[in-house]
Amino acid sequence: MTESVTLTVTGMKCGGCEANVTGKLSALDGVISTAASFKDNTVTIDYDPDQTTLDILTNTITGAGFTVTD
């Protein structure tokens, strides 16, 4: 089963930031696809909840230097 989540992420300023976030997330087990937009301050992630969790996804984004807001 696949779940999809769109997170509000602040701190992304350019396409390089988008690539940084999507690259880190794509390296995680269970992440199927990611799409980041610095213009919209969003990251959409399709993932397998049996292999990863929302906490892991969020921690990966914050570990890359960005802020996830509610």
C-alpha atoms as a PDB file:
ATOM      1  CA  MET A   1       0.000   0.000   0.000  1.00  0.00           C
ATOM      2  CA  THR A   2       1.224   3.474  -0.858  1.00  0.00           C
ATOM      3  CA  GLU A   3       0.555   6.713   0.988  1.00  0.00           C
ATOM      4  CA  SER A   4       1.050  10.256  -0.237  1.00  0.00           C
ATOM      5  CA  VAL A   5       1.795  13.327   1.847  1.00  0.00           C
ATOM      6  CA  THR A   6       2.429  16.952   0.965  1.00  0.00           C
ATOM      7  CA  LEU A   7       4.543  18.831   3.496  1.00  0.00           C
ATOM      8  CA  THR A   8       5.142  22.556   3.782  1.00  0.00           C
ATOM      9  CA  VAL A   9       8.897  23.081   3.730  1.00  0.00           C
ATOM     10  CA  THR A  10      10.554  26.455   4.246  1.00  0.00           C
ATOM     11  CA  GLY A  11      14.115  27.391   3.434  1.00  0.00           C
ATOM     12  CA  MET A  12      14.240  26.109  -0.143  1.00  0.00           C
ATOM     13  CA  LYS A  13      15.473  28.980  -2.336  1.00  0.00           C
ATOM     14  CA  CYS A  14      16.249  27.361  -5.706  1.00  0.00           C
ATOM     15  CA  GLY A  15      16.221  24.284  -7.871  1.00  0.00           C
ATOM     16  CA  GLY A  16      19.362  23.071  -6.132  1.00  0.00           C
ATOM     17  CA  CYS A  17      17.479  23.041  -2.836  1.00  0.00           C
ATOM     18  CA  GLU A  18      14.696  21.044  -4.486  1.00  0.00           C
ATOM     19  CA  ALA A  19      17.252  18.555  -5.794  1.00  0.00           C
ATOM     20  CA  ASN A  20      18.880  18.288  -2.367  1.00  0.00           C
ATOM     21  CA  VAL A  21      15.564  17.451  -0.667  1.00  0.00           C
ATOM     22  CA  THR A  22      14.365  15.036  -3.328  1.00  0.00           C
ATOM     23  CA  GLY A  23      17.739  13.297  -3.468  1.00  0.00           C
ATOM     24  CA  LYS A  24      17.867  12.714   0.285  1.00  0.00           C
ATOM     25  CA  LEU A  25      14.280  11.472   0.380  1.00  0.00           C
ATOM     26  CA  SER A  26      14.689   9.231  -2.676  1.00  0.00           C
ATOM     27  CA  ALA A  27      17.612   7.478  -0.976  1.00  0.00           C
ATOM     28  CA  LEU A  28      15.315   6.240   1.809  1.00  0.00           C
ATOM     29  CA  ASP A  29      13.858   2.739   1.702  1.00  0.00           C
ATOM     30  CA  GLY A  30      10.165   2.883   0.936  1.00  0.00           C
ATOM     31  CA  VAL A  31      10.135   6.242  -0.857  1.00  0.00           C
ATOM     32  CA  ILE A  32       8.543   5.751  -4.254  1.00  0.00           C
ATOM     33  CA  SER A  33       8.582   9.308  -5.606  1.00  0.00           C
ATOM     34  CA  THR A  34       9.146  12.883  -4.508  1.00  0.00           C
ATOM     35  CA  ALA A  35       8.383  16.289  -5.967  1.00  0.00           C
ATOM     36  CA  ALA A  36       9.651  19.501  -4.382  1.00  0.00           C
ATOM     37  CA  SER A  37       8.741  23.083  -5.231  1.00  0.00           C
ATOM     38  CA  PHE A  38      10.702  25.963  -3.737  1.00  0.00           C
ATOM     39  CA  LYS A  39       8.168  28.393  -5.233  1.00  0.00           C
ATOM     40  CA  ASP A  40       5.268  26.718  -3.402  1.00  0.00           C
ATOM     41  CA  ASN A  41       7.317  25.673  -0.344  1.00  0.00           C
ATOM     42  CA  THR A  42       6.046  22.098  -0.691  1.00  0.00           C
ATOM     43  CA  VAL A  43       7.371  18.576  -0.950  1.00  0.00           C
ATOM     44  CA  THR A  44       5.051  15.779  -2.037  1.00  0.00           C
ATOM     45  CA  ILE A  45       6.162  12.255  -1.177  1.00  0.00           C
ATOM     46  CA  ASP A  46       4.686   8.903  -2.210  1.00  0.00           C
ATOM     47  CA  TYR A  47       5.912   6.197   0.149  1.00  0.00           C
ATOM     48  CA  ASP A  48       5.300   2.726   1.566  1.00  0.00           C
ATOM     49  CA  PRO A  49       4.314   3.124   5.241  1.00  0.00           C
ATOM     50  CA  ASP A  50       5.527  -0.426   5.916  1.00  0.00           C
ATOM     51  CA  GLN A  51       9.077   0.677   5.081  1.00  0.00           C
ATOM     52  CA  THR A  52       9.294   4.263   6.334  1.00  0.00           C
ATOM     53  CA  THR A  53       7.382   6.703   8.520  1.00  0.00           C
ATOM     54  CA  LEU A  54       6.347  10.321   8.370  1.00  0.00           C
ATOM     55  CA  ASP A  55       8.804  11.037  11.209  1.00  0.00           C
ATOM     56  CA  ILE A  56      11.686   9.614   9.172  1.00  0.00           C
ATOM     57  CA  LEU A  57      10.655  11.674   6.149  1.00  0.00           C
ATOM     58  CA  THR A  58      10.385  14.845   8.216  1.00  0.00           C
ATOM     59  CA  ASN A  59      13.699  14.215   9.986  1.00  0.00           C
ATOM     60  CA  THR A  60      15.403  13.684   6.628  1.00  0.00           C
ATOM     61  CA  ILE A  61      14.176  17.060   5.375  1.00  0.00           C
ATOM     62  CA  THR A  62      15.200  18.877   8.553  1.00  0.00           C
ATOM     63  CA  GLY A  63      18.540  17.066   8.496  1.00  0.00           C
ATOM     64  CA  ALA A  64      19.121  18.549   5.046  1.00  0.00           C
ATOM     65  CA  GLY A  65      18.787  22.029   6.566  1.00  0.00           C
ATOM     66  CA  PHE A  66      15.162  22.867   5.852  1.00  0.00           C
ATOM     67  CA  THR A  67      12.148  23.391   8.104  1.00  0.00           C
ATOM     68  CA  VAL A  68       8.931  21.375   7.932  1.00  0.00           C
ATOM     69  CA  THR A  69       5.921  23.341   9.175  1.00  0.00           C
ATOM     70  CA  ASP A  70       2.344  22.278   9.821  1.00  0.00           C
END
